[in-house]
Amino acid sequence: EDRRKLGAWLSAPATPTMQPTFRDRPLDGEEIVALVAYFQDAAKRGEEDPGASVLVFIFLGLGGAAVVLVLFNGIWNGRFRGVRRPLVADAAWPRSQETSA
């Protein structure tokens, strides 16, 4: 029954968007049968558990975020060391002179 309804709709689509497209070149019988078979197969495959794909998506997102954070840490880790060491050494030097005098 669903096959017949889908086939009837494909032979004369009732949507305003599709009417101008299929008015000049309507689908023939073989195309309708092939499309109906394709849509039925896609519907059967779509009945699989969507929770598994959502879980995979979440884990991939978390893993990707962890990788990005590790990369940023590696890139930004030593960005001020060339500036900080001389500043710390200069700040510590006068104190060491004062305490020795």
PDB file of N, CA and C in Angstrom:
ATOM      1  N   GLU A   1       0.823  -1.195   0.000  1.00  0.00           N
ATOM      2  CA  GLU A   1       0.000   0.000   0.000  1.00  0.00           C
ATOM      3  C   GLU A   1       0.869   1.262   0.000  1.00  0.00           C
ATOM      4  N   ASP A   2       1.902   1.271   0.837  1.00  0.00           N
ATOM      5  CA  ASP A   2       2.794   2.431   0.866  1.00  0.00           C
ATOM      6  C   ASP A   2       3.528   2.601  -0.454  1.00  0.00           C
ATOM      7  N   ARG A   3       3.860   1.471  -1.069  1.00  0.00           N
ATOM      8  CA  ARG A   3       4.537   1.531  -2.368  1.00  0.00           C
ATOM      9  C   ARG A   3       3.652   2.197  -3.412  1.00  0.00           C
ATOM     10  N   ARG A   4       2.362   1.868  -3.373  1.00  0.00           N
ATOM     11  CA  ARG A   4       1.432   2.457  -4.350  1.00  0.00           C
ATOM     12  C   ARG A   4       1.264   3.961  -4.105  1.00  0.00           C
ATOM     13  N   LYS A   5       1.160   4.333  -2.852  1.00  0.00           N
ATOM     14  CA  LYS A   5       1.015   5.763  -2.540  1.00  0.00           C
ATOM     15  C   LYS A   5       2.253   6.543  -2.977  1.00  0.00           C
ATOM     16  N   LEU A   6       3.424   6.001  -2.670  1.00  0.00           N
ATOM     17  CA  LEU A   6       4.660   6.681  -3.068  1.00  0.00           C
ATOM     18  C   LEU A   6       4.788   6.728  -4.590  1.00  0.00           C
ATOM     19  N   GLY A   7       4.434   5.639  -5.248  1.00  0.00           N
ATOM     20  CA  GLY A   7       4.472   5.613  -6.705  1.00  0.00           C
ATOM     21  C   GLY A   7       3.516   6.622  -7.315  1.00  0.00           C
ATOM     22  N   ALA A   8       2.315   6.747  -6.739  1.00  0.00           N
ATOM     23  CA  ALA A   8       1.343   7.722  -7.243  1.00  0.00           C
ATOM     24  C   ALA A   8       1.857   9.145  -7.039  1.00  0.00           C
ATOM     25  N   TRP A   9       2.484   9.388  -5.897  1.00  0.00           N
ATOM     26  CA  TRP A   9       3.007  10.734  -5.638  1.00  0.00           C
ATOM     27  C   TRP A   9       4.147  11.050  -6.594  1.00  0.00           C
ATOM     28  N   LEU A  10       5.025  10.075  -6.842  1.00  0.00           N
ATOM     29  CA  LEU A  10       6.147  10.311  -7.748  1.00  0.00           C
ATOM     30  C   LEU A  10       5.685  10.525  -9.187  1.00  0.00           C
ATOM     31  N   SER A  11       4.573   9.920  -9.571  1.00  0.00           N
ATOM     32  CA  SER A  11       4.101  10.100 -10.945  1.00  0.00           C
ATOM     33  C   SER A  11       3.527  11.494 -11.158  1.00  0.00           C
ATOM     34  N   ALA A  12       3.003  12.118 -10.112  1.00  0.00           N
ATOM     35  CA  ALA A  12       2.474  13.486 -10.217  1.00  0.00           C
ATOM     36  C   ALA A  12       2.662  14.190  -8.871  1.00  0.00           C
ATOM     37  N   PRO A  13       3.861  14.705  -8.601  1.00  0.00           N
ATOM     38  CA  PRO A  13       4.107  15.356  -7.314  1.00  0.00           C
ATOM     39  C   PRO A  13       3.166  16.533  -7.100  1.00  0.00           C
ATOM     40  N   ALA A  14       2.610  16.585  -5.916  1.00  0.00           N
ATOM     41  CA  ALA A  14       1.625  17.628  -5.625  1.00  0.00           C
ATOM     42  C   ALA A  14       2.235  18.875  -5.000  1.00  0.00           C
ATOM     43  N   THR A  15       3.521  18.860  -4.756  1.00  0.00           N
ATOM     44  CA  THR A  15       4.135  20.023  -4.118  1.00  0.00           C
ATOM     45  C   THR A  15       4.409  21.114  -5.149  1.00  0.00           C
ATOM     46  N   PRO A  16       4.222  22.351  -4.768  1.00  0.00           N
ATOM     47  CA  PRO A  16       4.454  23.445  -5.716  1.00  0.00           C
ATOM     48  C   PRO A  16       5.902  23.543  -6.183  1.00  0.00           C
ATOM     49  N   THR A  17       6.817  23.104  -5.365  1.00  0.00           N
ATOM     50  CA  THR A  17       8.220  23.165  -5.759  1.00  0.00           C
ATOM     51  C   THR A  17       8.537  22.159  -6.853  1.00  0.00           C
ATOM     52  N   MET A  18       7.937  20.979  -6.782  1.00  0.00           N
ATOM     53  CA  MET A  18       8.261  19.910  -7.720  1.00  0.00           C
ATOM     54  C   MET A  18       7.449  19.966  -9.004  1.00  0.00           C
ATOM     55  N   GLN A  19       6.294  20.574  -8.985  1.00  0.00           N
ATOM     56  CA  GLN A  19       5.428  20.582 -10.171  1.00  0.00           C
ATOM     57  C   GLN A  19       6.095  21.182 -11.400  1.00  0.00           C
ATOM     58  N   PRO A  20       6.724  22.361 -11.309  1.00  0.00           N
ATOM     59  CA  PRO A  20       7.345  22.900 -12.525  1.00  0.00           C
ATOM     60  C   PRO A  20       8.488  22.031 -13.056  1.00  0.00           C
ATOM     61  N   THR A  21       9.183  21.376 -12.163  1.00  0.00           N
ATOM     62  CA  THR A  21      10.311  20.550 -12.578  1.00  0.00           C
ATOM     63  C   THR A  21       9.846  19.321 -13.335  1.00  0.00           C
ATOM     64  N   PHE A  22       8.813  18.645 -12.828  1.00  0.00           N
ATOM     65  CA  PHE A  22       8.376  17.391 -13.421  1.00  0.00           C
ATOM     66  C   PHE A  22       7.262  17.563 -14.452  1.00  0.00           C
ATOM     67  N   ARG A  23       6.800  18.787 -14.673  1.00  0.00           N
ATOM     68  CA  ARG A  23       5.773  19.014 -15.691  1.00  0.00           C
ATOM     69  C   ARG A  23       6.374  18.795 -17.079  1.00  0.00           C
ATOM     70  N   ASP A  24       7.588  19.274 -17.302  1.00  0.00           N
ATOM     71  CA  ASP A  24       8.229  19.150 -18.615  1.00  0.00           C
ATOM     72  C   ASP A  24       8.787  17.745 -18.853  1.00  0.00           C
ATOM     73  N   ARG A  25       9.232  17.084 -17.790  1.00  0.00           N
ATOM     74  CA  ARG A  25       9.797  15.740 -17.947  1.00  0.00           C
ATOM     75  C   ARG A  25       9.350  14.873 -16.769  1.00  0.00           C
ATOM     76  N   PRO A  26       8.195  14.262 -16.881  1.00  0.00           N
ATOM     77  CA  PRO A  26       7.721  13.399 -15.789  1.00  0.00           C
ATOM     78  C   PRO A  26       8.546  12.116 -15.714  1.00  0.00           C
ATOM     79  N   LEU A  27       8.538  11.496 -14.545  1.00  0.00           N
ATOM     80  CA  LEU A  27       9.242  10.230 -14.357  1.00  0.00           C
ATOM     81  C   LEU A  27       8.503   9.116 -15.089  1.00  0.00           C
ATOM     82  N   ASP A  28       9.265   8.206 -15.689  1.00  0.00           N
ATOM     83  CA  ASP A  28       8.604   7.057 -16.339  1.00  0.00           C
ATOM     84  C   ASP A  28       8.463   5.918 -15.323  1.00  0.00           C
ATOM     85  N   GLY A  29       7.831   4.851 -15.714  1.00  0.00           N
ATOM     86  CA  GLY A  29       7.520   3.743 -14.809  1.00  0.00           C
ATOM     87  C   GLY A  29       8.750   3.109 -14.179  1.00  0.00           C
ATOM     88  N   GLU A  30       9.817   2.921 -14.973  1.00  0.00           N
ATOM     89  CA  GLU A  30      11.036   2.302 -14.446  1.00  0.00           C
ATOM     90  C   GLU A  30      11.695   3.183 -13.395  1.00  0.00           C
ATOM     91  N   GLU A  31      11.694   4.484 -13.634  1.00  0.00           N
ATOM     92  CA  GLU A  31      12.286   5.405 -12.664  1.00  0.00           C
ATOM     93  C   GLU A  31      11.500   5.402 -11.356  1.00  0.00           C
ATOM     94  N   ILE A  32      10.186   5.344 -11.458  1.00  0.00           N
ATOM     95  CA  ILE A  32       9.348   5.322 -10.254  1.00  0.00           C
ATOM     96  C   ILE A  32       9.596   4.049  -9.456  1.00  0.00           C
ATOM     97  N   VAL A  33       9.667   2.906 -10.130  1.00  0.00           N
ATOM     98  CA  VAL A  33       9.924   1.635  -9.437  1.00  0.00           C
ATOM     99  C   VAL A  33      11.292   1.672  -8.752  1.00  0.00           C
ATOM    100  N   ALA A  34      12.293   2.191  -9.445  1.00  0.00           N
ATOM    101  CA  ALA A  34      13.637   2.269  -8.857  1.00  0.00           C
ATOM    102  C   ALA A  34      13.652   3.202  -7.647  1.00  0.00           C
ATOM    103  N   LEU A  35      12.977   4.331  -7.741  1.00  0.00           N
ATOM    104  CA  LEU A  35      12.932   5.269  -6.614  1.00  0.00           C
ATOM    105  C   LEU A  35      12.183   4.685  -5.421  1.00  0.00           C
ATOM    106  N   VAL A  36      11.085   4.000  -5.684  1.00  0.00           N
ATOM    107  CA  VAL A  36      10.321   3.382  -4.596  1.00  0.00           C
ATOM    108  C   VAL A  36      11.186   2.341  -3.893  1.00  0.00           C
ATOM    109  N   ALA A  37      11.904   1.514  -4.663  1.00  0.00           N
ATOM    110  CA  ALA A  37      12.787   0.512  -4.063  1.00  0.00           C
ATOM    111  C   ALA A  37      13.889   1.177  -3.242  1.00  0.00           C
ATOM    112  N   TYR A  38      14.455   2.250  -3.765  1.00  0.00           N
ATOM    113  CA  TYR A  38      15.503   2.971  -3.037  1.00  0.00           C
ATOM    114  C   TYR A  38      14.967   3.553  -1.729  1.00  0.00           C
ATOM    115  N   PHE A  39      13.810   4.190  -1.775  1.00  0.00           N
ATOM    116  CA  PHE A  39      13.239   4.787  -0.564  1.00  0.00           C
ATOM    117  C   PHE A  39      12.883   3.726   0.470  1.00  0.00           C
ATOM    118  N   GLN A  40      12.404   2.573   0.027  1.00  0.00           N
ATOM    119  CA  GLN A  40      12.094   1.501   0.982  1.00  0.00           C
ATOM    120  C   GLN A  40      13.365   0.971   1.627  1.00  0.00           C
ATOM    121  N   ASP A  41      14.410   0.797   0.846  1.00  0.00           N
ATOM    122  CA  ASP A  41      15.677   0.328   1.404  1.00  0.00           C
ATOM    123  C   ASP A  41      16.244   1.348   2.386  1.00  0.00           C
ATOM    124  N   ALA A  42      16.160   2.629   2.040  1.00  0.00           N
ATOM    125  CA  ALA A  42      16.653   3.676   2.939  1.00  0.00           C
ATOM    126  C   ALA A  42      15.839   3.723   4.230  1.00  0.00           C
ATOM    127  N   ALA A  43      14.537   3.486   4.126  1.00  0.00           N
ATOM    128  CA  ALA A  43      13.698   3.479   5.325  1.00  0.00           C
ATOM    129  C   ALA A  43      14.054   2.309   6.230  1.00  0.00           C
ATOM    130  N   LYS A  44      14.359   1.150   5.649  1.00  0.00           N
ATOM    131  CA  LYS A  44      14.755  -0.003   6.464  1.00  0.00           C
ATOM    132  C   LYS A  44      16.077   0.256   7.168  1.00  0.00           C
ATOM    133  N   ARG A  45      17.009   0.857   6.477  1.00  0.00           N
ATOM    134  CA  ARG A  45      18.303   1.163   7.079  1.00  0.00           C
ATOM    135  C   ARG A  45      18.176   2.260   8.121  1.00  0.00           C
ATOM    136  N   GLY A  46      17.226   3.143   7.962  1.00  0.00           N
ATOM    137  CA  GLY A  46      17.026   4.231   8.911  1.00  0.00           C
ATOM    138  C   GLY A  46      16.433   3.775  10.219  1.00  0.00           C
ATOM    139  N   GLU A  47      15.931   2.543  10.281  1.00  0.00           N
ATOM    140  CA  GLU A  47      15.339   2.036  11.504  1.00  0.00           C
ATOM    141  C   GLU A  47      16.384   1.536  12.492  1.00  0.00           C
ATOM    142  N   GLU A  48      17.656   1.572  12.130  1.00  0.00           N
ATOM    143  CA  GLU A  48      18.713   1.173  13.042  1.00  0.00           C
ATOM    144  C   GLU A  48      18.737   2.124  14.229  1.00  0.00           C
ATOM    145  N   ASP A  49      19.350   1.672  15.316  1.00  0.00           N
ATOM    146  CA  ASP A  49      19.383   2.441  16.560  1.00  0.00           C
ATOM    147  C   ASP A  49      20.148   3.745  16.368  1.00  0.00           C
ATOM    148  N   PRO A  50      19.460   4.882  16.449  1.00  0.00           N
ATOM    149  CA  PRO A  50      20.162   6.158  16.286  1.00  0.00           C
ATOM    150  C   PRO A  50      21.016   6.507  17.499  1.00  0.00           C
ATOM    151  N   GLY A  51      20.776   5.851  18.636  1.00  0.00           N
ATOM    152  CA  GLY A  51      21.549   6.139  19.837  1.00  0.00           C
ATOM    153  C   GLY A  51      23.018   5.812  19.670  1.00  0.00           C
ATOM    154  N   ALA A  52      23.322   4.767  18.906  1.00  0.00           N
ATOM    155  CA  ALA A  52      24.719   4.387  18.700  1.00  0.00           C
ATOM    156  C   ALA A  52      25.464   5.464  17.919  1.00  0.00           C
ATOM    157  N   SER A  53      24.847   6.014  16.898  1.00  0.00           N
ATOM    158  CA  SER A  53      25.526   7.053  16.122  1.00  0.00           C
ATOM    159  C   SER A  53      25.677   8.335  16.931  1.00  0.00           C
ATOM    160  N   VAL A  54      24.729   8.632  17.788  1.00  0.00           N
ATOM    161  CA  VAL A  54      24.845   9.810  18.649  1.00  0.00           C
ATOM    162  C   VAL A  54      25.991   9.624  19.627  1.00  0.00           C
ATOM    163  N   LEU A  55      26.114   8.426  20.179  1.00  0.00           N
ATOM    164  CA  LEU A  55      27.196   8.140  21.121  1.00  0.00           C
ATOM    165  C   LEU A  55      28.560   8.239  20.434  1.00  0.00           C
ATOM    166  N   VAL A  56      28.663   7.719  19.221  1.00  0.00           N
ATOM    167  CA  VAL A  56      29.914   7.829  18.471  1.00  0.00           C
ATOM    168  C   VAL A  56      30.230   9.294  18.197  1.00  0.00           C
ATOM    169  N   PHE A  57      29.228  10.074  17.836  1.00  0.00           N
ATOM    170  CA  PHE A  57      29.424  11.494  17.579  1.00  0.00           C
ATOM    171  C   PHE A  57      29.940  12.212  18.828  1.00  0.00           C
ATOM    172  N   ILE A  58      29.372  11.900  19.988  1.00  0.00           N
ATOM    173  CA  ILE A  58      29.799  12.534  21.235  1.00  0.00           C
ATOM    174  C   ILE A  58      31.246  12.163  21.557  1.00  0.00           C
ATOM    175  N   PHE A  59      31.587  10.870  21.435  1.00  0.00           N
ATOM    176  CA  PHE A  59      32.952  10.452  21.737  1.00  0.00           C
ATOM    177  C   PHE A  59      33.958  11.046  20.762  1.00  0.00           C
ATOM    178  N   LEU A  60      33.606  11.136  19.490  1.00  0.00           N
ATOM    179  CA  LEU A  60      34.500  11.772  18.531  1.00  0.00           C
ATOM    180  C   LEU A  60      34.687  13.255  18.843  1.00  0.00           C
ATOM    181  N   GLY A  61      33.626  13.908  19.267  1.00  0.00           N
ATOM    182  CA  GLY A  61      33.732  15.313  19.649  1.00  0.00           C
ATOM    183  C   GLY A  61      34.614  15.512  20.862  1.00  0.00           C
ATOM    184  N   LEU A  62      34.433  14.679  21.872  1.00  0.00           N
ATOM    185  CA  LEU A  62      35.265  14.787  23.072  1.00  0.00           C
ATOM    186  C   LEU A  62      36.727  14.469  22.764  1.00  0.00           C
ATOM    187  N   GLY A  63      36.945  13.434  21.963  1.00  0.00           N
ATOM    188  CA  GLY A  63      38.318  13.094  21.586  1.00  0.00           C
ATOM    189  C   GLY A  63      38.970  14.198  20.775  1.00  0.00           C
ATOM    190  N   GLY A  64      38.218  14.777  19.847  1.00  0.00           N
ATOM    191  CA  GLY A  64      38.750  15.889  19.053  1.00  0.00           C
ATOM    192  C   GLY A  64      39.069  17.098  19.913  1.00  0.00           C
ATOM    193  N   ALA A  65      38.216  17.389  20.886  1.00  0.00           N
ATOM    194  CA  ALA A  65      38.472  18.517  21.784  1.00  0.00           C
ATOM    195  C   ALA A  65      39.728  18.266  22.610  1.00  0.00           C
ATOM    196  N   ALA A  66      39.918  17.030  23.082  1.00  0.00           N
ATOM    197  CA  ALA A  66      41.116  16.702  23.859  1.00  0.00           C
ATOM    198  C   ALA A  66      42.371  16.864  23.005  1.00  0.00           C
ATOM    199  N   VAL A  67      42.322  16.409  21.756  1.00  0.00           N
ATOM    200  CA  VAL A  67      43.479  16.545  20.869  1.00  0.00           C
ATOM    201  C   VAL A  67      43.798  18.010  20.622  1.00  0.00           C
ATOM    202  N   VAL A  68      42.783  18.816  20.395  1.00  0.00           N
ATOM    203  CA  VAL A  68      43.001  20.246  20.163  1.00  0.00           C
ATOM    204  C   VAL A  68      43.601  20.907  21.398  1.00  0.00           C
ATOM    205  N   LEU A  69      43.128  20.554  22.583  1.00  0.00           N
ATOM    206  CA  LEU A  69      43.681  21.135  23.810  1.00  0.00           C
ATOM    207  C   LEU A  69      45.142  20.740  24.006  1.00  0.00           C
ATOM    208  N   VAL A  70      45.482  19.496  23.730  1.00  0.00           N
ATOM    209  CA  VAL A  70      46.876  19.061  23.853  1.00  0.00           C
ATOM    210  C   VAL A  70      47.752  19.794  22.839  1.00  0.00           C
ATOM    211  N   LEU A  71      47.269  19.961  21.624  1.00  0.00           N
ATOM    212  CA  LEU A  71      48.043  20.700  20.615  1.00  0.00           C
ATOM    213  C   LEU A  71      48.253  22.154  21.027  1.00  0.00           C
ATOM    214  N   PHE A  72      47.202  22.799  21.505  1.00  0.00           N
ATOM    215  CA  PHE A  72      47.344  24.191  21.953  1.00  0.00           C
ATOM    216  C   PHE A  72      48.313  24.293  23.124  1.00  0.00           C
ATOM    217  N   ASN A  73      48.274  23.324  24.016  1.00  0.00           N
ATOM    218  CA  ASN A  73      49.203  23.338  25.148  1.00  0.00           C
ATOM    219  C   ASN A  73      50.641  23.232  24.647  1.00  0.00           C
ATOM    220  N   GLY A  74      50.878  22.363  23.687  1.00  0.00           N
ATOM    221  CA  GLY A  74      52.222  22.229  23.139  1.00  0.00           C
ATOM    222  C   GLY A  74      52.681  23.473  22.407  1.00  0.00           C
ATOM    223  N   ILE A  75      51.781  24.113  21.706  1.00  0.00           N
ATOM    224  CA  ILE A  75      52.136  25.309  20.941  1.00  0.00           C
ATOM    225  C   ILE A  75      52.372  26.505  21.868  1.00  0.00           C
ATOM    226  N   TRP A  76      51.515  26.698  22.852  1.00  0.00           N
ATOM    227  CA  TRP A  76      51.561  27.891  23.684  1.00  0.00           C
ATOM    228  C   TRP A  76      52.398  27.721  24.950  1.00  0.00           C
ATOM    229  N   ASN A  77      52.886  26.528  25.224  1.00  0.00           N
ATOM    230  CA  ASN A  77      53.560  26.266  26.479  1.00  0.00           C
ATOM    231  C   ASN A  77      54.790  27.146  26.680  1.00  0.00           C
ATOM    232  N   GLY A  78      55.640  27.289  25.696  1.00  0.00           N
ATOM    233  CA  GLY A  78      56.874  28.036  25.888  1.00  0.00           C
ATOM    234  C   GLY A  78      56.869  29.422  25.296  1.00  0.00           C
ATOM    235  N   ARG A  79      55.730  30.022  25.105  1.00  0.00           N
ATOM    236  CA  ARG A  79      55.674  31.288  24.380  1.00  0.00           C
ATOM    237  C   ARG A  79      56.299  32.456  25.132  1.00  0.00           C
ATOM    238  N   PHE A  80      56.326  32.448  26.488  1.00  0.00           N
ATOM    239  CA  PHE A  80      56.892  33.574  27.234  1.00  0.00           C
ATOM    240  C   PHE A  80      58.202  33.229  27.938  1.00  0.00           C
ATOM    241  N   ARG A  81      58.721  32.050  27.748  1.00  0.00           N
ATOM    242  CA  ARG A  81      59.933  31.663  28.486  1.00  0.00           C
ATOM    243  C   ARG A  81      61.128  32.531  28.111  1.00  0.00           C
ATOM    244  N   GLY A  82      61.225  32.914  26.861  1.00  0.00           N
ATOM    245  CA  GLY A  82      62.337  33.767  26.442  1.00  0.00           C
ATOM    246  C   GLY A  82      62.273  35.143  27.075  1.00  0.00           C
ATOM    247  N   VAL A  83      61.091  35.582  27.444  1.00  0.00           N
ATOM    248  CA  VAL A  83      60.920  36.893  28.063  1.00  0.00           C
ATOM    249  C   VAL A  83      60.963  36.776  29.584  1.00  0.00           C
ATOM    250  N   ARG A  84      60.365  35.723  30.111  1.00  0.00           N
ATOM    251  CA  ARG A  84      60.236  35.573  31.555  1.00  0.00           C
ATOM    252  C   ARG A  84      61.570  35.338  32.260  1.00  0.00           C
ATOM    253  N   ARG A  85      62.412  34.500  31.716  1.00  0.00           N
ATOM    254  CA  ARG A  85      63.670  34.175  32.395  1.00  0.00           C
ATOM    255  C   ARG A  85      64.526  35.406  32.652  1.00  0.00           C
ATOM    256  N   PRO A  86      64.753  36.267  31.654  1.00  0.00           N
ATOM    257  CA  PRO A  86      65.550  37.475  31.959  1.00  0.00           C
ATOM    258  C   PRO A  86      64.865  38.391  32.979  1.00  0.00           C
ATOM    259  N   LEU A  87      63.547  38.497  32.930  1.00  0.00           N
ATOM    260  CA  LEU A  87      62.846  39.341  33.892  1.00  0.00           C
ATOM    261  C   LEU A  87      62.974  38.793  35.302  1.00  0.00           C
ATOM    262  N   VAL A  88      62.846  37.494  35.450  1.00  0.00           N
ATOM    263  CA  VAL A  88      62.977  36.880  36.769  1.00  0.00           C
ATOM    264  C   VAL A  88      64.408  36.993  37.259  1.00  0.00           C
ATOM    265  N   ALA A  89      65.361  36.794  36.370  1.00  0.00           N
ATOM    266  CA  ALA A  89      66.769  36.909  36.764  1.00  0.00           C
ATOM    267  C   ALA A  89      67.096  38.339  37.175  1.00  0.00           C
ATOM    268  N   ASP A  90      66.593  39.326  36.442  1.00  0.00           N
ATOM    269  CA  ASP A  90      66.833  40.733  36.789  1.00  0.00           C
ATOM    270  C   ASP A  90      66.172  41.090  38.108  1.00  0.00           C
ATOM    271  N   ALA A  91      64.997  40.559  38.364  1.00  0.00           N
ATOM    272  CA  ALA A  91      64.291  40.868  39.604  1.00  0.00           C
ATOM    273  C   ALA A  91      64.966  40.192  40.794  1.00  0.00           C
ATOM    274  N   ALA A  92      65.560  39.043  40.611  1.00  0.00           N
ATOM    275  CA  ALA A  92      66.199  38.319  41.710  1.00  0.00           C
ATOM    276  C   ALA A  92      67.607  38.833  41.968  1.00  0.00           C
ATOM    277  N   TRP A  93      68.257  39.391  41.008  1.00  0.00           N
ATOM    278  CA  TRP A  93      69.646  39.823  41.148  1.00  0.00           C
ATOM    279  C   TRP A  93      69.841  40.927  42.174  1.00  0.00           C
ATOM    280  N   PRO A  94      69.031  42.015  42.154  1.00  0.00           N
ATOM    281  CA  PRO A  94      69.247  43.060  43.177  1.00  0.00           C
ATOM    282  C   PRO A  94      69.008  42.542  44.599  1.00  0.00           C
ATOM    283  N   ARG A  95      68.083  41.658  44.807  1.00  0.00           N
ATOM    284  CA  ARG A  95      67.835  41.128  46.146  1.00  0.00           C
ATOM    285  C   ARG A  95      69.029  40.329  46.647  1.00  0.00           C
ATOM    286  N   SER A  96      69.639  39.561  45.761  1.00  0.00           N
ATOM    287  CA  SER A  96      70.781  38.779  46.187  1.00  0.00           C
ATOM    288  C   SER A  96      71.962  39.671  46.521  1.00  0.00           C
ATOM    289  N   GLN A  97      72.092  40.836  45.841  1.00  0.00           N
ATOM    290  CA  GLN A  97      73.160  41.793  46.170  1.00  0.00           C
ATOM    291  C   GLN A  97      72.895  42.458  47.504  1.00  0.00           C
ATOM    292  N   GLU A  98      71.628  42.776  47.774  1.00  0.00           N
ATOM    293  CA  GLU A  98      71.288  43.454  49.020  1.00  0.00           C
ATOM    294  C   GLU A  98      71.527  42.550  50.207  1.00  0.00           C
ATOM    295  N   THR A  99      71.205  41.292  50.083  1.00  0.00           N
ATOM    296  CA  THR A  99      71.356  40.378  51.218  1.00  0.00           C
ATOM    297  C   THR A  99      72.823  40.047  51.451  1.00  0.00           C
ATOM    298  N   SER A 100      73.674  40.075  50.435  1.00  0.00           N
ATOM    299  CA  SER A 100      75.083  39.779  50.620  1.00  0.00           C
ATOM    300  C   SER A 100      75.847  40.985  51.164  1.00  0.00           C
ATOM    301  N   ALA A 101      75.312  42.184  51.018  1.00  0.00           N
ATOM    302  CA  ALA A 101      76.018  43.392  51.454  1.00  0.00           C
ATOM    303  C   ALA A 101      75.792  43.717  52.885  1.00  0.00           C
TER     304      ALA A 101
END
